[in-house]
C-alpha atoms as a PDB file:
ATOM      1  CA  MET A   1      -2.241  31.935 205.040  1.00  0.00           C
ATOM      2  CA  GLN A   2       0.218  30.227 202.725  1.00  0.00           C
ATOM      3  CA  SER A   3      -2.602  28.433 200.899  1.00  0.00           C
ATOM      4  CA  LEU A   4      -4.397  31.751 200.396  1.00  0.00           C
ATOM      5  CA  LEU A   5      -1.247  33.234 198.876  1.00  0.00           C
ATOM      6  CA  ASP A   6      -0.826  30.207 196.605  1.00  0.00           C
ATOM      7  CA  TRP A   7      -4.425  30.577 195.421  1.00  0.00           C
ATOM      8  CA  ALA A   8      -3.876  34.289 194.712  1.00  0.00           C
ATOM      9  CA  SER A   9      -0.706  33.540 192.749  1.00  0.00           C
ATOM     10  CA  HIS A  10      -2.619  31.272 190.361  1.00  0.00           C
ATOM     11  CA  LEU A  11      -5.195  33.930 189.529  1.00  0.00           C
ATOM     12  CA  GLU A  12      -4.909  35.719 186.215  1.00  0.00           C
ATOM     13  CA  HIS A  13      -3.570  39.239 186.316  1.00  0.00           C
ATOM     14  CA  GLY A  14      -6.781  40.735 184.881  1.00  0.00           C
ATOM     15  CA  LEU A  15      -8.919  38.840 187.379  1.00  0.00           C
ATOM     16  CA  VAL A  16      -6.816  40.168 190.272  1.00  0.00           C
ATOM     17  CA  ILE A  17      -7.263  43.715 188.997  1.00  0.00           C
ATOM     18  CA  ASP A  18     -11.050  43.270 188.771  1.00  0.00           C
ATOM     19  CA  ILE A  19     -11.171  41.919 192.324  1.00  0.00           C
ATOM     20  CA  MET A  20      -9.147  44.869 193.596  1.00  0.00           C
ATOM     21  CA  ARG A  21     -11.397  47.316 191.744  1.00  0.00           C
ATOM     22  CA  SER A  22     -14.491  45.700 193.201  1.00  0.00           C
ATOM     23  CA  ILE A  23     -13.093  45.876 196.745  1.00  0.00           C
ATOM     24  CA  LEU A  24     -12.116  49.532 196.273  1.00  0.00           C
ATOM     25  CA  LEU A  25     -15.555  50.373 194.898  1.00  0.00           C
ATOM     26  CA  VAL A  26     -17.317  48.727 197.847  1.00  0.00           C
ATOM     27  CA  LEU A  27     -15.028  50.484 200.346  1.00  0.00           C
ATOM     28  CA  LEU A  28     -15.604  53.815 198.615  1.00  0.00           C
ATOM     29  CA  LEU A  29     -19.361  53.395 198.717  1.00  0.00           C
ATOM     30  CA  VAL A  30     -19.331  52.346 202.378  1.00  0.00           C
ATOM     31  CA  LEU A  31     -17.171  55.286 203.359  1.00  0.00           C
ATOM     32  CA  SER A  32     -19.340  57.650 201.325  1.00  0.00           C
ATOM     33  CA  ARG A  33     -22.466  56.464 203.076  1.00  0.00           C
ATOM     34  CA  MET A  34     -20.870  56.756 206.492  1.00  0.00           C
ATOM     35  CA  GLY A  35     -19.744  60.294 205.719  1.00  0.00           C
ATOM     36  CA  LEU A  36     -23.122  61.381 204.377  1.00  0.00           C
ATOM     37  CA  GLN A  37     -24.975  59.768 207.308  1.00  0.00           C
ATOM     38  CA  ARG A  38     -22.702  61.608 209.723  1.00  0.00           C
ATOM     39  CA  ALA A  39     -23.294  64.882 207.896  1.00  0.00           C
ATOM     40  CA  LEU A  40     -27.057  64.373 208.061  1.00  0.00           C
ATOM     41  CA  GLY A  41     -26.942  63.453 211.735  1.00  0.00           C
ATOM     42  CA  SER A  42     -24.928  66.535 212.646  1.00  0.00           C
ATOM     43  CA  ASN A  43     -27.307  68.959 210.920  1.00  0.00           C
ATOM     44  CA  PRO A  44     -29.881  70.045 213.513  1.00  0.00           C
ATOM     45  CA  ASN A  45     -31.725  72.235 211.016  1.00  0.00           C
ATOM     46  CA  LEU A  46     -33.235  69.247 209.153  1.00  0.00           C
ATOM     47  CA  PRO A  47     -36.375  67.630 210.608  1.00  0.00           C
ATOM     48  CA  VAL A  48     -36.183  63.969 211.549  1.00  0.00           C
ATOM     49  CA  GLU A  49     -38.537  62.997 208.719  1.00  0.00           C
ATOM     50  CA  SER A  50     -36.374  64.756 206.141  1.00  0.00           C
ATOM     51  CA  ARG A  51     -33.193  63.141 207.459  1.00  0.00           C
ATOM     52  CA  ARG A  52     -34.835  59.711 207.295  1.00  0.00           C
ATOM     53  CA  ARG A  53     -35.933  60.351 203.715  1.00  0.00           C
ATOM     54  CA  TRP A  54     -32.464  61.554 202.712  1.00  0.00           C
ATOM     55  CA  SER A  55     -30.884  58.527 204.428  1.00  0.00           C
ATOM     56  CA  VAL A  56     -33.056  56.113 202.493  1.00  0.00           C
ATOM     57  CA  ASN A  57     -32.455  57.893 199.182  1.00  0.00           C
ATOM     58  CA  ILE A  58     -28.695  57.952 199.751  1.00  0.00           C
ATOM     59  CA  ARG A  59     -28.635  54.270 200.630  1.00  0.00           C
ATOM     60  CA  ASN A  60     -30.637  53.270 197.560  1.00  0.00           C
ATOM     61  CA  GLY A  61     -28.610  55.542 195.294  1.00  0.00           C
ATOM     62  CA  LEU A  62     -25.291  54.132 196.523  1.00  0.00           C
ATOM     63  CA  ILE A  63     -26.554  50.570 196.095  1.00  0.00           C
ATOM     64  CA  GLY A  64     -27.557  51.399 192.513  1.00  0.00           C
ATOM     65  CA  LEU A  65     -24.153  52.918 191.821  1.00  0.00           C
ATOM     66  CA  GLY A  66     -22.480  49.885 193.323  1.00  0.00           C
ATOM     67  CA  LEU A  67     -24.420  47.499 191.084  1.00  0.00           C
ATOM     68  CA  VAL A  68     -23.658  49.558 187.971  1.00  0.00           C
ATOM     69  CA  GLY A  69     -19.982  49.735 188.940  1.00  0.00           C
ATOM     70  CA  LEU A  70     -19.707  45.974 189.576  1.00  0.00           C
ATOM     71  CA  VAL A  71     -21.436  45.153 186.293  1.00  0.00           C
ATOM     72  CA  THR A  72     -19.046  47.510 184.478  1.00  0.00           C
ATOM     73  CA  ILE A  73     -15.993  45.977 186.166  1.00  0.00           C
ATOM     74  CA  TRP A  74     -17.063  42.389 185.525  1.00  0.00           C
ATOM     75  CA  ALA A  75     -18.629  42.986 182.083  1.00  0.00           C
ATOM     76  CA  LYS A  76     -16.182  40.724 180.246  1.00  0.00           C
ATOM     77  CA  GLU A  77     -16.606  37.831 182.693  1.00  0.00           C
ATOM     78  CA  LEU A  78     -20.395  38.245 182.681  1.00  0.00           C
ATOM     79  CA  GLU A  79     -20.406  38.120 178.889  1.00  0.00           C
ATOM     80  CA  THR A  80     -18.423  34.862 178.950  1.00  0.00           C
ATOM     81  CA  LEU A  81     -20.821  33.440 181.529  1.00  0.00           C
ATOM     82  CA  ALA A  82     -23.847  34.466 179.447  1.00  0.00           C
ATOM     83  CA  VAL A  83     -22.385  32.757 176.367  1.00  0.00           C
ATOM     84  CA  SER A  84     -21.780  29.599 178.399  1.00  0.00           C
ATOM     85  CA  LEU A  85     -25.343  29.659 179.742  1.00  0.00           C
ATOM     86  CA  VAL A  86     -26.721  30.085 176.222  1.00  0.00           C
ATOM     87  CA  ALA A  87     -24.635  27.131 175.020  1.00  0.00           C
ATOM     88  CA  VAL A  88     -25.851  24.990 177.907  1.00  0.00           C
ATOM     89  CA  ALA A  89     -29.471  26.019 177.237  1.00  0.00           C
ATOM     90  CA  ALA A  90     -29.110  25.228 173.518  1.00  0.00           C
ATOM     91  CA  ALA A  91     -27.624  21.809 174.299  1.00  0.00           C
ATOM     92  CA  LEU A  92     -30.422  21.128 176.779  1.00  0.00           C
ATOM     93  CA  VAL A  93     -33.069  22.059 174.196  1.00  0.00           C
ATOM     94  CA  LEU A  94     -31.464  19.829 171.557  1.00  0.00           C
ATOM     95  CA  ALA A  95     -31.235  16.931 174.002  1.00  0.00           C
ATOM     96  CA  THR A  96     -34.879  17.235 175.028  1.00  0.00           C
ATOM     97  CA  LYS A  97     -36.294  18.345 171.676  1.00  0.00           C
ATOM     98  CA  GLU A  98     -38.582  15.335 171.248  1.00  0.00           C
ATOM     99  CA  LEU A  99     -39.931  15.585 174.798  1.00  0.00           C
ATOM    100  CA  ILE A 100     -40.627  19.304 174.320  1.00  0.00           C
ATOM    101  CA  MET A 101     -42.428  18.602 171.031  1.00  0.00           C
ATOM    102  CA  CYS A 102     -44.476  15.834 172.678  1.00  0.00           C
ATOM    103  CA  PHE A 103     -45.492  18.204 175.465  1.00  0.00           C
ATOM    104  CA  ALA A 104     -46.358  20.898 172.905  1.00  0.00           C
ATOM    105  CA  GLY A 105     -48.479  18.392 170.970  1.00  0.00           C
ATOM    106  CA  SER A 106     -50.296  17.419 174.186  1.00  0.00           C
ATOM    107  CA  PHE A 107     -50.958  21.097 174.928  1.00  0.00           C
ATOM    108  CA  LEU A 108     -52.257  21.616 171.377  1.00  0.00           C
ATOM    109  CA  ARG A 109     -54.596  18.626 171.718  1.00  0.00           C
ATOM    110  CA  ALA A 110     -55.963  19.881 175.039  1.00  0.00           C
ATOM    111  CA  MET A 111     -56.484  23.455 173.817  1.00  0.00           C
ATOM    112  CA  GLY A 112     -58.075  22.370 170.540  1.00  0.00           C
ATOM    113  CA  ASN A 113     -60.068  19.501 172.076  1.00  0.00           C
ATOM    114  CA  SER A 114     -58.916  17.393 169.131  1.00  0.00           C
ATOM    115  CA  TYR A 115     -59.915  14.081 170.689  1.00  0.00           C
ATOM    116  CA  GLY A 116     -60.469  12.326 174.000  1.00  0.00           C
ATOM    117  CA  LEU A 117     -60.856   8.854 175.425  1.00  0.00           C
ATOM    118  CA  GLY A 118     -63.130   6.760 173.223  1.00  0.00           C
ATOM    119  CA  SER A 119     -62.614   8.886 170.103  1.00  0.00           C
ATOM    120  CA  HIS A 120     -61.988   7.088 166.797  1.00  0.00           C
ATOM    121  CA  ILE A 121     -59.095   8.971 165.231  1.00  0.00           C
ATOM    122  CA  GLU A 122     -56.576   8.744 162.428  1.00  0.00           C
ATOM    123  CA  VAL A 123     -53.165  10.433 162.790  1.00  0.00           C
ATOM    124  CA  ALA A 124     -50.548   9.878 160.092  1.00  0.00           C
ATOM    125  CA  GLN A 125     -50.793   6.124 159.337  1.00  0.00           C
ATOM    126  CA  TYR A 126     -52.328   5.244 162.705  1.00  0.00           C
ATOM    127  CA  ARG A 127     -56.072   4.643 163.024  1.00  0.00           C
ATOM    128  CA  GLY A 128     -57.987   3.405 166.051  1.00  0.00           C
ATOM    129  CA  ARG A 129     -59.952   4.063 169.234  1.00  0.00           C
ATOM    130  CA  VAL A 130     -58.227   6.143 171.911  1.00  0.00           C
ATOM    131  CA  VAL A 131     -57.764   4.239 175.178  1.00  0.00           C
ATOM    132  CA  ASP A 132     -55.065   6.279 176.951  1.00  0.00           C
ATOM    133  CA  ILE A 133     -53.635   9.814 176.814  1.00  0.00           C
ATOM    134  CA  ASN A 134     -50.726  11.329 178.736  1.00  0.00           C
ATOM    135  CA  LEU A 135     -48.404  14.307 178.362  1.00  0.00           C
ATOM    136  CA  PHE A 136     -46.109  12.574 175.892  1.00  0.00           C
ATOM    137  CA  SER A 137     -48.033   9.869 174.010  1.00  0.00           C
ATOM    138  CA  THR A 138     -51.438   8.549 172.980  1.00  0.00           C
ATOM    139  CA  THR A 139     -52.431   4.875 172.930  1.00  0.00           C
ATOM    140  CA  ILE A 140     -55.065   3.563 170.529  1.00  0.00           C
ATOM    141  CA  MET A 141     -56.580   0.174 169.804  1.00  0.00           C
ATOM    142  CA  GLU A 142     -56.005  -0.301 166.079  1.00  0.00           C
ATOM    143  CA  ILE A 143     -58.992  -0.393 163.725  1.00  0.00           C
ATOM    144  CA  GLY A 144     -58.467  -1.867 160.301  1.00  0.00           C
ATOM    145  CA  PRO A 145     -56.930  -3.015 158.175  1.00  0.00           C
ATOM    146  CA  ALA A 146     -56.675   0.349 156.397  1.00  0.00           C
ATOM    147  CA  HIS A 147     -60.030   2.026 155.714  1.00  0.00           C
ATOM    148  CA  GLU A 148     -61.820  -0.956 154.255  1.00  0.00           C
ATOM    149  CA  ALA A 149     -62.697  -2.498 157.629  1.00  0.00           C
ATOM    150  CA  HIS A 150     -63.929  -1.187 160.970  1.00  0.00           C
ATOM    151  CA  LEU A 151     -63.002  -4.034 163.286  1.00  0.00           C
ATOM    152  CA  LEU A 152     -60.524  -3.913 166.157  1.00  0.00           C
ATOM    153  CA  SER A 153     -57.370  -5.735 165.103  1.00  0.00           C
ATOM    154  CA  GLY A 154     -56.395  -6.507 168.707  1.00  0.00           C
ATOM    155  CA  ARG A 155     -53.178  -4.479 168.492  1.00  0.00           C
ATOM    156  CA  ALA A 156     -52.433  -1.431 170.681  1.00  0.00           C
ATOM    157  CA  ILE A 157     -50.457   1.419 169.119  1.00  0.00           C
ATOM    158  CA  SER A 158     -48.730   4.182 171.095  1.00  0.00           C
ATOM    159  CA  PHE A 159     -47.576   7.202 169.109  1.00  0.00           C
ATOM    160  CA  PRO A 160     -45.794  10.352 170.382  1.00  0.00           C
ATOM    161  CA  ASN A 161     -47.916  13.467 170.711  1.00  0.00           C
ATOM    162  CA  SER A 162     -45.331  15.319 168.604  1.00  0.00           C
ATOM    163  CA  LEU A 163     -47.152  13.880 165.558  1.00  0.00           C
ATOM    164  CA  LEU A 164     -50.032  16.247 166.338  1.00  0.00           C
ATOM    165  CA  LEU A 165     -47.791  19.211 165.434  1.00  0.00           C
ATOM    166  CA  THR A 166     -47.207  18.065 161.852  1.00  0.00           C
ATOM    167  CA  ASN A 167     -50.196  15.854 160.988  1.00  0.00           C
ATOM    168  CA  PRO A 168     -53.924  16.542 160.839  1.00  0.00           C
ATOM    169  CA  VAL A 169     -56.173  14.667 163.240  1.00  0.00           C
ATOM    170  CA  ILE A 170     -59.125  12.913 161.579  1.00  0.00           C
ATOM    171  CA  ARG A 171     -61.879  12.212 164.099  1.00  0.00           C
ATOM    172  CA  GLU A 172     -64.231   9.658 162.640  1.00  0.00           C
ATOM    173  CA  ASN A 173     -66.887   9.824 165.364  1.00  0.00           C
ATOM    174  CA  TYR A 174     -66.991  13.604 165.751  1.00  0.00           C
ATOM    175  CA  MET A 175     -70.789  13.498 165.451  1.00  0.00           C
ATOM    176  CA  GLY A 176     -70.977  11.329 168.554  1.00  0.00           C
ATOM    177  CA  GLU A 177     -73.341   8.390 168.742  1.00  0.00           C
ATOM    178  CA  TYR A 178     -74.265   8.529 165.040  1.00  0.00           C
ATOM    179  CA  VAL A 179     -71.749   8.931 162.208  1.00  0.00           C
ATOM    180  CA  VAL A 180     -71.867   9.461 158.466  1.00  0.00           C
ATOM    181  CA  HIS A 181     -70.382   6.386 156.862  1.00  0.00           C
ATOM    182  CA  MET A 182     -69.168   5.899 153.281  1.00  0.00           C
ATOM    183  CA  ILE A 183     -69.429   2.551 151.490  1.00  0.00           C
ATOM    184  CA  THR A 184     -67.660   1.919 148.181  1.00  0.00           C
ATOM    185  CA  VAL A 185     -68.976  -0.748 145.808  1.00  0.00           C
ATOM    186  CA  PRO A 186     -67.078  -1.521 142.573  1.00  0.00           C
ATOM    187  CA  MET A 187     -69.250  -2.927 139.794  1.00  0.00           C
ATOM    188  CA  GLY A 188     -68.694  -4.179 136.268  1.00  0.00           C
ATOM    189  CA  TRP A 189     -70.262  -2.461 133.265  1.00  0.00           C
ATOM    190  CA  ALA A 190     -72.261  -5.627 132.588  1.00  0.00           C
ATOM    191  CA  ILE A 191     -74.711  -4.201 135.113  1.00  0.00           C
ATOM    192  CA  SER A 192     -76.075  -0.790 134.163  1.00  0.00           C
ATOM    193  CA  PRO A 193     -75.210   2.011 136.632  1.00  0.00           C
ATOM    194  CA  THR A 194     -78.885   2.964 136.697  1.00  0.00           C
ATOM    195  CA  VAL A 195     -79.859  -0.546 137.761  1.00  0.00           C
ATOM    196  CA  GLY A 196     -76.953  -0.828 140.205  1.00  0.00           C
ATOM    197  CA  LEU A 197     -77.670   2.519 141.889  1.00  0.00           C
ATOM    198  CA  ALA A 198     -81.389   1.822 142.176  1.00  0.00           C
ATOM    199  CA  LEU A 199     -80.812  -1.583 143.715  1.00  0.00           C
ATOM    200  CA  LEU A 200     -78.137  -0.342 146.119  1.00  0.00           C
ATOM    201  CA  LYS A 201     -80.382   2.508 147.263  1.00  0.00           C
ATOM    202  CA  GLU A 202     -83.274   0.120 147.831  1.00  0.00           C
ATOM    203  CA  VAL A 203     -81.102  -2.178 149.957  1.00  0.00           C
ATOM    204  CA  ALA A 204     -79.573   0.745 151.905  1.00  0.00           C
ATOM    205  CA  GLU A 205     -82.984   2.243 152.727  1.00  0.00           C
ATOM    206  CA  LYS A 206     -84.202  -1.128 153.927  1.00  0.00           C
ATOM    207  CA  VAL A 207     -81.181  -1.847 156.177  1.00  0.00           C
ATOM    208  CA  CYS A 208     -80.901   1.719 157.548  1.00  0.00           C
ATOM    209  CA  LEU A 209     -84.638   2.268 158.102  1.00  0.00           C
ATOM    210  CA  PRO A 210     -84.499   1.468 161.882  1.00  0.00           C
ATOM    211  CA  HIS A 211     -81.832   4.181 162.380  1.00  0.00           C
ATOM    212  CA  VAL A 212     -83.016   7.038 160.160  1.00  0.00           C
ATOM    213  CA  GLU A 213     -85.308   8.907 162.542  1.00  0.00           C
ATOM    214  CA  ALA A 214     -82.986   8.566 165.545  1.00  0.00           C
ATOM    215  CA  ALA A 215     -80.064   9.723 163.385  1.00  0.00           C
ATOM    216  CA  ARG A 216     -82.084  12.726 162.149  1.00  0.00           C
ATOM    217  CA  ARG A 217     -82.887  13.839 165.708  1.00  0.00           C
ATOM    218  CA  HIS A 218     -79.270  13.359 166.744  1.00  0.00           C
ATOM    219  CA  MET A 219     -77.977  15.467 163.826  1.00  0.00           C
ATOM    220  CA  GLU A 220     -80.454  18.235 164.662  1.00  0.00           C
ATOM    221  CA  ARG A 221     -79.158  18.325 168.247  1.00  0.00           C
ATOM    222  CA  ILE A 222     -75.550  18.451 167.019  1.00  0.00           C
ATOM    223  CA  GLU A 223     -76.394  21.285 164.622  1.00  0.00           C
ATOM    224  CA  ALA A 224     -78.098  23.331 167.365  1.00  0.00           C
ATOM    225  CA  ARG A 225     -75.395  22.688 169.953  1.00  0.00           C
ATOM    226  CA  HIS A 226     -72.260  23.241 167.843  1.00  0.00           C
ATOM    227  CA  LEU A 227     -73.686  25.569 165.158  1.00  0.00           C
ATOM    228  CA  VAL A 228     -72.386  23.371 162.335  1.00  0.00           C
ATOM    229  CA  ASP A 229     -73.987  22.126 159.158  1.00  0.00           C
ATOM    230  CA  THR A 230     -74.818  18.437 159.452  1.00  0.00           C
ATOM    231  CA  PRO A 231     -75.284  16.126 156.438  1.00  0.00           C
ATOM    232  CA  SER A 232     -78.547  14.512 155.446  1.00  0.00           C
ATOM    233  CA  VAL A 233     -79.277  11.188 157.120  1.00  0.00           C
ATOM    234  CA  ASP A 234     -81.019   9.703 154.061  1.00  0.00           C
ATOM    235  CA  PRO A 235     -78.885   7.353 151.916  1.00  0.00           C
ATOM    236  CA  ILE A 236     -77.108   9.334 149.191  1.00  0.00           C
ATOM    237  CA  LEU A 237     -75.512   7.665 146.159  1.00  0.00           C
ATOM    238  CA  SER A 238     -73.111   8.723 143.429  1.00  0.00           C
ATOM    239  CA  VAL A 239     -71.226   6.941 140.655  1.00  0.00           C
ATOM    240  CA  GLN A 240     -67.649   7.298 139.405  1.00  0.00           C
ATOM    241  CA  PRO A 241     -66.325   5.663 136.222  1.00  0.00           C
ATOM    242  CA  ILE A 242     -62.962   3.951 136.754  1.00  0.00           C
ATOM    243  CA  ASP A 243     -62.106   2.350 133.395  1.00  0.00           C
ATOM    244  CA  ASP A 244     -63.751   0.412 130.587  1.00  0.00           C
ATOM    245  CA  LYS A 245     -64.297  -2.609 132.847  1.00  0.00           C
ATOM    246  CA  ILE A 246     -65.645  -1.264 136.151  1.00  0.00           C
ATOM    247  CA  TYR A 247     -67.241   1.756 137.737  1.00  0.00           C
ATOM    248  CA  ARG A 248     -67.562   2.628 141.408  1.00  0.00           C
ATOM    249  CA  MET A 249     -70.726   3.388 143.380  1.00  0.00           C
ATOM    250  CA  LEU A 250     -70.422   5.507 146.517  1.00  0.00           C
ATOM    251  CA  LEU A 251     -73.063   5.193 149.222  1.00  0.00           C
ATOM    252  CA  ARG A 252     -73.342   7.553 152.199  1.00  0.00           C
ATOM    253  CA  VAL A 253     -75.479   6.544 155.179  1.00  0.00           C
ATOM    254  CA  ALA A 254     -76.007   7.826 158.740  1.00  0.00           C
ATOM    255  CA  ILE A 255     -75.789   4.967 161.212  1.00  0.00           C
ATOM    256  CA  PRO A 256     -74.792   4.323 164.848  1.00  0.00           C
ATOM    257  CA  ALA A 257     -71.026   4.485 165.263  1.00  0.00           C
ATOM    258  CA  ARG A 258     -70.878   1.109 166.965  1.00  0.00           C
ATOM    259  CA  GLU A 259     -72.882  -0.497 164.120  1.00  0.00           C
ATOM    260  CA  ARG A 260     -70.712   0.578 161.183  1.00  0.00           C
ATOM    261  CA  GLN A 261     -69.240  -2.817 160.434  1.00  0.00           C
ATOM    262  CA  ARG A 262     -72.526  -4.696 160.881  1.00  0.00           C
ATOM    263  CA  VAL A 263     -74.598  -2.295 158.769  1.00  0.00           C
ATOM    264  CA  GLU A 264     -71.997  -2.117 156.018  1.00  0.00           C
ATOM    265  CA  GLN A 265     -71.763  -5.881 155.787  1.00  0.00           C
ATOM    266  CA  ALA A 266     -75.559  -6.262 155.822  1.00  0.00           C
ATOM    267  CA  ILE A 267     -75.904  -3.824 152.899  1.00  0.00           C
ATOM    268  CA  LEU A 268     -73.091  -5.393 150.899  1.00  0.00           C
ATOM    269  CA  LYS A 269     -74.253  -8.977 151.428  1.00  0.00           C
ATOM    270  CA  GLU A 270     -77.868  -8.329 150.433  1.00  0.00           C
ATOM    271  CA  PHE A 271     -76.871  -6.161 147.474  1.00  0.00           C
ATOM    272  CA  LEU A 272     -74.363  -8.670 146.141  1.00  0.00           C
ATOM    273  CA  ASP A 273     -76.770 -11.573 146.638  1.00  0.00           C
ATOM    274  CA  ARG A 274     -79.392  -9.750 144.591  1.00  0.00           C
ATOM    275  CA  VAL A 275     -76.985  -8.589 141.907  1.00  0.00           C
ATOM    276  CA  HIS A 276     -75.207 -11.915 141.599  1.00  0.00           C
ATOM    277  CA  PRO A 277     -77.764 -14.587 142.559  1.00  0.00           C
ATOM    278  CA  LEU A 278     -76.338 -17.948 143.411  1.00  0.00           C
ATOM    279  CA  ARG A 279     -76.189 -20.005 140.264  1.00  0.00           C
ATOM    280  CA  GLN A 280     -76.692 -23.643 140.966  1.00  0.00           C
ATOM    281  CA  ALA A 281     -74.447 -26.002 139.075  1.00  0.00           C
ATOM    282  CA  PRO A 282     -76.290 -28.310 136.644  1.00  0.00           C
ATOM    283  CA  PRO A 283     -76.885 -31.771 138.037  1.00  0.00           C
ATOM    284  CA  SER A 284     -74.148 -34.217 137.193  1.00  0.00           C
ATOM    285  CA  VAL A 285     -74.979 -36.786 134.573  1.00  0.00           C
ATOM    286  CA  GLY A 286     -74.148 -40.370 135.449  1.00  0.00           C
ATOM    287  CA  PRO A 287     -72.511 -42.839 133.058  1.00  0.00           C
ATOM    288  CA  THR A 288     -74.660 -43.904 130.147  1.00  0.00           C
ATOM    289  CA  GLN A 289     -76.096 -47.354 130.559  1.00  0.00           C
ATOM    290  CA  PRO A 290     -75.706 -49.663 127.599  1.00  0.00           C
ATOM    291  CA  ALA A 291     -78.909 -50.306 125.756  1.00  0.00           C
END
């Protein structure tokens, strides 16, 4: 008993008043219900069904009044509690911001079907083949270096899925088994662009000939299935002047995704061999014999 009195003495005066008000309210509601129930029970003129309905309505009404009264009495304390809960929630959000963003990025990827296992993607500065996906990160096998090569570097890169919220996803093999591949060939003005383009086109048609028909059928299936415009599978060339020393030829070909590196190297090697044929060094001249 003494401990209970000590606890009560440490309570704030306003808190004690609120507790007393709450107790009085509950007692008043209980007594009111008891009185009304007794009045209903002592009235023989009301049918049993009506008394039951009135009893239920009275009970629910008094409960509602009790809740409103308690909320009114404890409004200040409830406001303080709500502010504390908001502060805790804000701190929790700040502490787990990165995890929430990673989860949001994973949800965005799943809803947009941005990429899946086996896709060749580029996100921010990361480029490679997807080998693992979870709720918070994506792991790729790096392809590179940069965009000039299409070989696996042997390095695995894991990046947080939060990058998907702020960076576009470039999917290099969106077309599936066959892809449209760009090859850039710088060339000096010593070789006419007309000659260079004609020779590069001849080499590209020769190297890509085994893949053209299969690529055309594949693109037609993609166009019918996804209702998208697909590019031509025939080699397409264009030229861009860079400065007074070199210009750049751009070649676009449709080839199997897994053959990009091989086909590109085959085109470049044959083209460069034909443009710059191997010049044999003149035979060395031995020492002159005395006459």
